[in-house]
Amino acid sequence: MANNSPPLNKTRPFHGLYVITDPTLCPHNKLVQQVAQALEGGAKIVQFRDKTSDFQTKLQLCKQLVRLCEQHHAYFIVNDDIQLAKRSGAHGIHIGKSDQNLLTARQQLGEHAIIGVSCYNDITLALTMQNLGANYVAFGRFFPSKTKPNAPQADINTLIQAKKTLKIPVVAIGGITAKNATKLLATGVDALAVIQGVLAQKNIQTAALRISQQFTV
């Protein structure tokens, strides 16, 4: 199959700890500081996820986070909002099964934008998205998740198959902690997406470091 995905920045691999924000864990007045701590702990990708705040509030926060991620040579991704990604200068967007489709996102954000897609436990969907131009795909959840307790269960064999089949980076998500990360990393997965395992911890920087140090360069 052809791979139509635009190349990622060769000097900044899409690899490592991928931290996703949560408004219940990251109130507006603490969000930038918390993300800074995660970046200091080695996070390489940050996704802003907020389904409840007003657009202008989200825009101002995202602009700050873009600058912060650039300072740490990390990618900044917006969840499910093309206009927010476009106006904030984000590096890309993450879309899910019911979100704006990939082709619309590519058309509006341009060929250099990073577009990630949630593929749950579906290799066929991931292949389709790769061939439509996705830059990475995410599978999960792999462990019980407080953020999305009803998310469908994914099989670790899906990651193994994905790494053998796909040409684009593969991300695992769902209840990941420093203790259970090893099993997923053994599959060769490119990134681990974490919410509670970093942002719900007393020391965010230390929690991030414990996961990011498990990645091989």
Protein backbone atom coordinates (compact mmCIF):
# COMPACT_ATOMS: atom_id res chain seq x y z
CA MET A 1 0.00 0.00 0.00
CA ALA A 2 1.10 3.55 -0.67
CA ASN A 3 1.97 5.83 2.22
CA ASN A 4 0.74 9.34 1.50
CA SER A 5 1.65 10.79 4.89
CA PRO A 6 3.76 13.97 4.84
CA PRO A 7 7.15 13.46 6.54
CA LEU A 8 7.61 14.59 10.13
CA ASN A 9 10.48 16.88 11.10
CA LYS A 10 13.60 14.74 10.79
CA THR A 11 15.38 16.66 13.54
CA ARG A 12 12.46 16.23 15.95
CA PRO A 13 11.29 12.60 15.90
CA PHE A 14 7.73 11.76 16.93
CA HIS A 15 8.97 9.57 19.74
CA GLY A 16 8.76 9.43 23.50
CA LEU A 17 6.40 10.53 26.25
CA TYR A 18 3.19 12.08 24.91
CA VAL A 19 1.33 14.02 27.63
CA ILE A 20 -2.36 14.86 27.20
CA THR A 21 -3.89 17.63 29.29
CA ASP A 22 -7.18 17.28 31.15
CA PRO A 23 -9.13 20.31 32.46
CA THR A 24 -10.05 18.47 35.65
CA LEU A 25 -6.35 17.94 36.42
CA CYS A 26 -5.08 21.13 34.82
CA PRO A 27 -7.06 24.23 35.83
CA HIS A 28 -6.37 27.25 33.63
CA ASN A 29 -4.22 29.02 36.22
CA LYS A 30 -1.93 25.99 36.60
CA LEU A 31 -1.93 24.46 33.11
CA VAL A 32 1.16 26.14 31.69
CA GLN A 33 3.18 25.43 34.83
CA GLN A 34 2.08 21.77 34.84
CA VAL A 35 2.95 21.30 31.17
CA ALA A 36 6.32 22.95 31.79
CA GLN A 37 7.00 20.40 34.54
CA ALA A 38 6.07 17.53 32.20
CA LEU A 39 8.41 18.93 29.53
CA GLU A 40 11.20 19.27 32.08
CA GLY A 41 10.60 15.60 32.84
CA GLY A 42 11.17 14.66 29.22
CA ALA A 43 7.79 14.87 27.49
CA LYS A 44 8.31 15.13 23.71
CA ILE A 45 4.70 15.67 22.63
CA VAL A 46 1.90 17.59 24.37
CA GLN A 47 -1.76 17.42 23.41
CA PHE A 48 -4.21 20.08 24.60
CA ARG A 49 -7.57 18.45 25.29
CA ASP A 50 -10.39 20.61 26.67
CA LYS A 51 -14.01 20.06 25.63
CA THR A 52 -15.58 22.58 28.00
CA SER A 53 -13.79 25.96 28.04
CA ASP A 54 -14.68 28.83 25.71
CA PHE A 55 -12.71 29.28 22.50
CA GLN A 56 -10.87 32.46 23.44
CA THR A 57 -9.66 30.98 26.73
CA LYS A 58 -8.42 27.88 24.91
CA LEU A 59 -6.74 29.99 22.24
CA GLN A 60 -4.77 32.03 24.75
CA LEU A 61 -3.67 28.90 26.61
CA CYS A 62 -2.66 27.14 23.40
CA LYS A 63 -0.57 30.09 22.22
CA GLN A 64 1.36 29.93 25.50
CA LEU A 65 1.76 26.19 25.21
CA VAL A 66 3.02 26.40 21.62
CA ARG A 67 5.81 28.73 22.74
CA LEU A 68 6.62 26.50 25.70
CA CYS A 69 6.80 23.35 23.57
CA GLU A 70 9.00 25.10 21.02
CA GLN A 71 11.41 26.05 23.81
CA HIS A 72 11.66 22.37 24.73
CA HIS A 73 11.80 21.12 21.11
CA ALA A 74 8.53 19.27 21.65
CA TYR A 75 5.46 18.92 19.43
CA PHE A 76 2.21 20.64 20.40
CA ILE A 77 -1.03 18.98 19.25
CA VAL A 78 -4.62 20.19 19.65
CA ASN A 79 -7.43 17.71 20.20
CA ASP A 80 -10.41 17.79 17.85
CA ASP A 81 -10.50 21.48 16.91
CA ILE A 82 -9.17 22.53 13.50
CA GLN A 83 -9.68 26.26 14.06
CA LEU A 84 -7.99 26.15 17.45
CA ALA A 85 -5.03 24.30 15.96
CA LYS A 86 -4.83 26.74 13.05
CA ARG A 87 -5.13 29.97 15.03
CA SER A 88 -2.83 28.94 17.87
CA GLY A 89 -0.01 27.86 15.57
CA ALA A 90 -0.09 24.28 16.87
CA HIS A 91 2.05 21.69 15.11
CA GLY A 92 -1.00 19.56 14.46
CA ILE A 93 -4.28 18.01 15.51
CA HIS A 94 -5.53 14.71 16.91
CA ILE A 95 -8.87 13.46 15.64
CA GLY A 96 -11.04 10.56 16.73
CA LYS A 97 -13.65 8.33 15.20
CA SER A 98 -16.44 10.93 15.44
CA ASP A 99 -14.34 14.06 14.96
CA GLN A 100 -13.71 16.10 11.81
CA ASN A 101 -12.38 13.81 9.17
CA LEU A 102 -8.75 13.61 8.24
CA LEU A 103 -9.10 15.02 4.74
CA THR A 104 -10.85 18.15 6.03
CA ALA A 105 -8.13 18.66 8.62
CA ARG A 106 -5.41 18.25 6.01
CA GLN A 107 -7.10 20.67 3.63
CA GLN A 108 -7.44 23.37 6.29
CA LEU A 109 -4.16 22.90 8.15
CA GLY A 110 -1.85 22.21 5.22
CA GLU A 111 0.61 19.54 4.22
CA HIS A 112 3.07 20.19 7.06
CA ALA A 113 0.55 19.78 9.89
CA ILE A 114 0.78 16.66 12.01
CA ILE A 115 -2.49 14.73 12.00
CA GLY A 116 -3.02 11.87 14.41
CA VAL A 117 -6.01 9.53 14.49
CA SER A 118 -7.45 7.33 17.24
CA CYS A 119 -7.76 3.78 15.90
CA TYR A 120 -8.70 2.02 19.17
CA ASN A 121 -7.90 -1.65 18.38
CA ASP A 122 -8.39 -1.56 14.61
CA ILE A 123 -5.40 -2.21 12.35
CA THR A 124 -7.55 -1.94 9.21
CA LEU A 125 -8.67 1.55 10.24
CA ALA A 126 -5.06 2.49 10.95
CA LEU A 127 -3.96 1.36 7.48
CA THR A 128 -6.77 3.38 5.92
CA MET A 129 -5.78 6.47 7.87
CA GLN A 130 -2.13 6.03 6.96
CA ASN A 131 -3.02 5.92 3.29
CA LEU A 132 -5.23 8.99 3.64
CA GLY A 133 -2.25 10.90 5.00
CA ALA A 134 -2.28 10.50 8.79
CA ASN A 135 1.10 11.17 10.39
CA TYR A 136 0.54 8.85 13.33
CA VAL A 137 -2.12 6.57 14.78
CA ALA A 138 -3.03 5.84 18.39
CA PHE A 139 -4.30 2.56 19.81
CA GLY A 140 -5.87 2.00 23.22
CA ARG A 141 -6.91 1.74 25.94
CA PHE A 142 -4.47 -0.91 27.17
CA PHE A 143 -5.04 -0.59 30.92
CA PRO A 144 -7.97 0.64 33.07
CA SER A 145 -8.35 4.39 32.55
CA LYS A 146 -9.80 6.94 34.95
CA THR A 147 -10.09 9.50 32.14
CA LYS A 148 -12.04 7.21 29.81
CA PRO A 149 -13.21 4.24 31.89
CA ASN A 150 -15.58 3.00 29.16
CA ALA A 151 -13.09 3.18 26.32
CA PRO A 152 -12.81 -0.11 24.39
CA GLN A 153 -10.04 -2.49 25.41
CA ALA A 154 -7.09 -2.83 23.06
CA ASP A 155 -4.84 -5.86 22.70
CA ILE A 156 -1.07 -5.59 22.96
CA ASN A 157 -0.82 -7.82 19.88
CA THR A 158 -2.40 -4.93 17.96
CA LEU A 159 0.69 -2.85 18.73
CA ILE A 160 2.99 -5.65 17.61
CA GLN A 161 1.08 -6.03 14.35
CA ALA A 162 0.92 -2.25 13.86
CA LYS A 163 4.69 -1.89 14.17
CA LYS A 164 5.16 -4.62 11.57
CA THR A 165 2.53 -3.24 9.19
CA LEU A 166 2.55 0.55 9.41
CA LYS A 167 5.17 3.03 8.22
CA ILE A 168 3.99 5.89 10.43
CA PRO A 169 4.54 6.28 14.20
CA VAL A 170 2.37 4.24 16.55
CA VAL A 171 1.11 5.60 19.88
CA ALA A 172 -0.32 3.62 22.80
CA ILE A 173 -2.79 5.16 25.26
CA GLY A 174 -4.92 4.20 28.23
CA GLY A 175 -4.02 3.88 31.90
CA ILE A 176 -0.27 3.97 31.26
CA THR A 177 2.08 4.46 34.21
CA ALA A 178 5.80 4.13 34.84
CA LYS A 179 5.13 0.62 36.16
CA ASN A 180 3.24 -0.79 33.19
CA ALA A 181 5.02 1.13 30.41
CA THR A 182 7.70 -1.54 29.94
CA LYS A 183 5.30 -4.08 28.47
CA LEU A 184 4.13 -1.64 25.81
CA LEU A 185 7.61 -0.34 25.01
CA ALA A 186 8.73 -3.91 24.32
CA THR A 187 6.51 -3.85 21.20
CA GLY A 188 8.59 -1.03 19.71
CA VAL A 189 5.77 1.51 20.04
CA ASP A 190 6.92 5.04 19.20
CA ALA A 191 5.14 7.00 21.92
CA LEU A 192 3.13 6.48 25.09
CA ALA A 193 0.23 8.88 25.63
CA VAL A 194 -0.31 9.56 29.32
CA ILE A 195 -2.76 11.70 31.31
CA GLN A 196 -3.25 10.53 34.91
CA GLY A 197 0.12 8.80 35.07
CA VAL A 198 1.83 12.19 34.80
CA LEU A 199 -0.59 15.05 35.49
CA ALA A 200 -2.38 13.44 38.45
CA GLN A 201 0.89 12.75 40.27
CA LYS A 202 2.20 14.83 43.16
CA ASN A 203 5.47 15.55 41.36
CA ILE A 204 4.70 15.92 37.64
CA GLN A 205 8.31 16.30 36.55
CA THR A 206 9.41 13.14 38.38
CA ALA A 207 6.44 11.16 37.05
CA ALA A 208 7.26 12.25 33.50
CA LEU A 209 10.91 11.42 33.98
CA ARG A 210 10.15 7.90 35.19
CA ILE A 211 8.36 7.17 31.92
CA SER A 212 10.51 9.16 29.50
CA GLN A 213 13.71 7.53 30.76
CA GLN A 214 12.36 4.14 29.68
CA PHE A 215 12.53 5.11 25.99
CA THR A 216 15.65 4.19 24.08
CA VAL A 217 17.12 6.93 21.94
